[in-house]
Amino acid sequence: MSKPPEKKQKLQAGLNELASQFKGLRTDDPASWPPIPRLALCLGLIAAIVLVLWMLVIKASDEELEAEKAREVALKADYTKKLAQAVNLELLRKQREQVLQYVTQLEKQLPGKAEMDALLSDINQAGLGRSLNFELFRPGQVVVREYYAELPIAVRVVGRYHDVGAFAADIANLSRIVTLNNLSLAPREGMLTMEATAKTFRYLDSDEVKAQRKVGAKK
């Protein structure tokens, strides 16, 4: 049976031998190292690789988690918006019907191509009915907009003050939309001269609308 001092000596000798294997190692030639340092190096490299991979996995998981949290917030906001729309759906339908009815009424106030001559005649008759003298009644160039066309008419009438005012009121009360623009009034020998640009509007037919859309697309 070995004595305790002998065990300590053997242990110390083993430690010294182990330490001696780590002395004088060439860092540029690990293949020449003793077995234990080589094993320690391999274990260190494996641990480092595992640590790096673990960090990458954790980072990717964190990014995915943040993306899912942001997606959850967006989905909740979208759900709230759609829920509000669903609750107000019937009210929105009624409002849409009202808007369509209003648009239809406005379209009825716009003459088509075939009705423009009749409208010009109505404007002329409104002046003659008030005993006004037309010194100028000249339709201008039609200006085509996206969904409608406007026709400016240069007008100059002469008559009594009240008749000129009544004529302006008659124009405003026509069943079709007619506006008086650039209005100017001037006295003349006890009479009143009114000069203005009357603008009337008409809706475009389907072919004209398509043509305007093509022009807009090119622009």
Protein backbone atom coordinates (compact mmCIF):
# COMPACT_ATOMS: atom_id res chain seq x y z
CA MET A 1 0.00 0.00 0.00
CA SER A 2 1.42 3.42 -1.16
CA LYS A 3 1.98 6.11 1.32
CA PRO A 4 0.26 9.53 0.98
CA PRO A 5 3.48 11.36 0.08
CA GLU A 6 3.99 9.00 -2.85
CA LYS A 7 0.47 9.80 -4.19
CA LYS A 8 1.20 13.49 -4.03
CA GLN A 9 4.45 12.96 -5.86
CA LYS A 10 2.73 10.96 -8.63
CA LEU A 11 0.01 13.60 -8.94
CA GLN A 12 2.56 16.36 -9.09
CA ALA A 13 4.55 14.43 -11.68
CA GLY A 14 1.41 13.98 -13.81
CA LEU A 15 0.62 17.67 -13.62
CA ASN A 16 4.17 18.58 -14.52
CA GLU A 17 4.06 16.24 -17.50
CA LEU A 18 0.73 17.73 -18.60
CA ALA A 19 2.11 21.24 -18.25
CA SER A 20 5.23 20.32 -20.15
CA GLN A 21 3.08 19.39 -23.17
CA PHE A 22 1.81 22.99 -23.36
CA LYS A 23 5.32 24.48 -23.30
CA GLY A 24 7.10 25.50 -26.44
CA LEU A 25 4.09 24.98 -28.73
CA ARG A 26 4.46 26.35 -32.26
CA THR A 27 1.39 28.33 -33.16
CA ASP A 28 2.14 27.99 -36.88
CA ASP A 29 2.18 24.18 -36.75
CA PRO A 30 -0.59 22.77 -34.53
CA ALA A 31 -0.13 19.33 -36.14
CA SER A 32 3.18 18.94 -34.32
CA TRP A 33 1.63 19.55 -30.90
CA PRO A 34 1.35 16.74 -28.33
CA PRO A 35 -2.03 14.94 -28.10
CA ILE A 36 -3.47 16.82 -25.14
CA PRO A 37 -2.91 20.36 -26.54
CA ARG A 38 -4.33 19.24 -29.88
CA LEU A 39 -7.39 17.83 -28.16
CA ALA A 40 -7.79 21.03 -26.16
CA LEU A 41 -7.54 23.11 -29.36
CA CYS A 42 -10.19 20.98 -31.11
CA LEU A 43 -12.53 21.24 -28.15
CA GLY A 44 -12.02 25.03 -28.06
CA LEU A 45 -12.75 25.38 -31.77
CA ILE A 46 -15.86 23.24 -31.46
CA ALA A 47 -17.06 25.31 -28.51
CA ALA A 48 -16.43 28.57 -30.41
CA ILE A 49 -18.30 27.32 -33.50
CA VAL A 50 -21.23 26.15 -31.40
CA LEU A 51 -21.33 29.52 -29.61
CA VAL A 52 -21.30 31.49 -32.89
CA LEU A 53 -24.04 29.33 -34.41
CA TRP A 54 -26.09 29.65 -31.26
CA MET A 55 -25.78 33.44 -31.34
CA LEU A 56 -26.83 33.52 -35.01
CA VAL A 57 -29.86 31.36 -34.30
CA ILE A 58 -30.86 33.56 -31.37
CA LYS A 59 -30.44 36.73 -33.47
CA ALA A 60 -32.51 35.29 -36.31
CA SER A 61 -35.19 34.24 -33.86
CA ASP A 62 -35.26 37.72 -32.32
CA GLU A 63 -35.64 39.34 -35.75
CA GLU A 64 -38.42 36.93 -36.67
CA LEU A 65 -40.14 37.63 -33.36
CA GLU A 66 -40.00 41.40 -33.92
CA ALA A 67 -41.35 40.98 -37.46
CA GLU A 68 -44.24 38.89 -36.18
CA LYS A 69 -44.98 41.48 -33.48
CA ALA A 70 -45.11 44.23 -36.13
CA ARG A 71 -47.34 42.04 -38.32
CA GLU A 72 -49.63 41.45 -35.35
CA VAL A 73 -49.99 45.22 -34.80
CA ALA A 74 -50.74 45.78 -38.51
CA LEU A 75 -53.32 42.97 -38.53
CA LYS A 76 -55.03 44.38 -35.45
CA ALA A 77 -55.21 47.85 -37.05
CA ASP A 78 -56.58 46.36 -40.29
CA TYR A 79 -59.12 44.33 -38.33
CA THR A 80 -60.27 47.43 -36.41
CA LYS A 81 -60.62 49.38 -39.66
CA LYS A 82 -62.61 46.63 -41.39
CA LEU A 83 -64.76 46.14 -38.31
CA ALA A 84 -65.67 49.84 -38.35
CA GLN A 85 -66.47 49.59 -42.07
CA ALA A 86 -68.65 46.55 -41.49
CA VAL A 87 -70.53 48.31 -38.69
CA ASN A 88 -71.12 51.37 -40.90
CA LEU A 89 -71.72 49.41 -44.10
CA GLU A 90 -75.45 50.10 -44.27
CA LEU A 91 -74.91 53.81 -43.60
CA LEU A 92 -72.22 53.94 -46.31
CA ARG A 93 -74.58 52.26 -48.78
CA LYS A 94 -77.27 54.86 -48.10
CA GLN A 95 -74.74 57.68 -48.50
CA ARG A 96 -73.57 56.17 -51.79
CA GLU A 97 -77.15 56.01 -53.06
CA GLN A 98 -77.67 59.65 -52.09
CA VAL A 99 -74.49 60.70 -53.89
CA LEU A 100 -75.49 58.78 -57.01
CA GLN A 101 -78.93 60.42 -56.98
CA TYR A 102 -77.29 63.84 -56.61
CA VAL A 103 -74.92 63.14 -59.48
CA THR A 104 -77.84 61.99 -61.62
CA GLN A 105 -79.70 65.21 -60.87
CA LEU A 106 -76.66 67.27 -61.83
CA GLU A 107 -76.21 65.29 -65.05
CA LYS A 108 -79.82 66.04 -65.97
CA GLN A 109 -78.97 69.73 -65.72
CA LEU A 110 -76.24 69.28 -68.31
CA PRO A 111 -77.53 69.09 -71.88
CA GLY A 112 -76.15 66.74 -74.48
CA LYS A 113 -74.90 67.70 -77.90
CA ALA A 114 -78.39 67.56 -79.41
CA GLU A 115 -79.81 69.89 -76.72
CA MET A 116 -77.21 72.65 -76.98
CA ASP A 117 -79.02 74.52 -79.76
CA ALA A 118 -82.22 74.51 -77.75
CA LEU A 119 -80.39 75.87 -74.71
CA LEU A 120 -78.86 78.70 -76.76
CA SER A 121 -82.34 79.50 -78.00
CA ASP A 122 -83.62 79.57 -74.39
CA ILE A 123 -80.95 82.10 -73.44
CA ASN A 124 -81.85 84.26 -76.42
CA GLN A 125 -85.57 84.01 -75.67
CA ALA A 126 -84.94 84.98 -72.04
CA GLY A 127 -83.46 88.27 -73.25
CA LEU A 128 -86.14 88.94 -75.85
CA GLY A 129 -88.84 88.16 -73.31
CA ARG A 130 -87.51 91.02 -71.17
CA SER A 131 -87.50 93.41 -74.17
CA LEU A 132 -83.72 93.55 -74.22
CA ASN A 133 -81.74 94.41 -77.30
CA PHE A 134 -78.97 91.93 -78.06
CA GLU A 135 -75.96 93.79 -79.43
CA LEU A 136 -73.77 90.70 -79.14
CA PHE A 137 -74.53 86.99 -78.86
CA ARG A 138 -71.48 85.06 -79.99
CA PRO A 139 -70.79 81.43 -78.93
CA GLY A 140 -67.07 80.78 -78.48
CA GLN A 141 -64.84 77.74 -78.76
CA VAL A 142 -65.97 74.66 -76.84
CA VAL A 143 -63.56 73.74 -74.01
CA VAL A 144 -63.53 70.00 -73.32
CA ARG A 145 -62.81 68.88 -69.77
CA GLU A 146 -62.43 65.35 -68.41
CA TYR A 147 -66.14 64.60 -68.02
CA TYR A 148 -67.88 67.64 -69.46
CA ALA A 149 -67.54 70.43 -72.02
CA GLU A 150 -68.16 74.12 -71.50
CA LEU A 151 -69.32 76.63 -74.11
CA PRO A 152 -68.60 80.32 -73.48
CA ILE A 153 -71.00 82.83 -75.06
CA ALA A 154 -70.10 86.50 -75.31
CA VAL A 155 -73.27 88.49 -74.55
CA ARG A 156 -74.01 92.23 -74.59
CA VAL A 157 -77.59 93.41 -74.01
CA VAL A 158 -79.14 96.83 -73.61
CA GLY A 159 -82.36 97.55 -71.73
CA ARG A 160 -83.96 99.05 -68.69
CA TYR A 161 -82.35 98.44 -65.30
CA HIS A 162 -85.09 96.16 -63.96
CA ASP A 163 -85.31 94.22 -67.22
CA VAL A 164 -81.57 93.55 -67.20
CA GLY A 165 -81.79 92.32 -63.59
CA ALA A 166 -84.78 90.11 -64.46
CA PHE A 167 -82.86 88.68 -67.41
CA ALA A 168 -79.96 87.69 -65.12
CA ALA A 169 -82.47 86.04 -62.77
CA ASP A 170 -84.09 84.19 -65.68
CA ILE A 171 -80.68 82.84 -66.72
CA ALA A 172 -80.09 81.59 -63.18
CA ASN A 173 -83.51 79.87 -63.14
CA LEU A 174 -83.07 77.96 -66.39
CA SER A 175 -83.50 74.22 -66.07
CA ARG A 176 -79.97 73.82 -67.44
CA ILE A 177 -76.83 75.17 -65.79
CA VAL A 178 -75.79 78.56 -67.16
CA THR A 179 -73.43 80.96 -65.36
CA LEU A 180 -72.71 84.63 -66.03
CA ASN A 181 -69.01 85.50 -65.78
CA ASN A 182 -66.96 88.69 -66.16
CA LEU A 183 -70.13 90.71 -65.69
CA SER A 184 -69.95 94.46 -66.29
CA LEU A 185 -72.71 97.10 -66.23
CA ALA A 186 -72.63 100.57 -67.76
CA PRO A 187 -75.34 103.28 -68.18
CA ARG A 188 -76.22 104.41 -71.70
CA GLU A 189 -78.75 107.17 -72.44
CA GLY A 190 -81.16 106.23 -69.69
CA MET A 191 -80.68 102.53 -70.36
CA LEU A 192 -78.30 99.95 -68.95
CA THR A 193 -75.76 97.90 -70.86
CA MET A 194 -74.76 94.51 -69.49
CA GLU A 195 -71.79 92.69 -70.94
CA ALA A 196 -70.87 89.21 -69.74
CA THR A 197 -69.63 85.80 -70.71
CA ALA A 198 -72.39 83.24 -70.29
CA LYS A 199 -71.06 79.74 -69.81
CA THR A 200 -73.17 76.68 -70.37
CA PHE A 201 -72.09 73.11 -69.92
CA ARG A 202 -72.87 69.75 -71.44
CA TYR A 203 -71.87 66.23 -70.55
CA LEU A 204 -69.61 64.20 -72.82
CA ASP A 205 -70.88 61.09 -74.52
CA SER A 206 -69.09 57.77 -74.00
CA ASP A 207 -66.83 58.19 -77.04
CA GLU A 208 -65.75 61.66 -75.92
CA VAL A 209 -65.02 60.39 -72.40
CA LYS A 210 -62.81 57.62 -73.80
CA ALA A 211 -60.98 60.12 -75.98
CA GLN A 212 -60.35 62.40 -73.01
CA ARG A 213 -59.03 59.50 -70.94
CA LYS A 214 -56.62 58.59 -73.71
CA VAL A 215 -55.39 62.18 -73.84
CA GLY A 216 -54.96 62.20 -70.04
CA ALA A 217 -53.06 58.91 -70.15
CA LYS A 218 -50.66 60.29 -72.77
CA LYS A 219 -50.02 63.39 -70.66
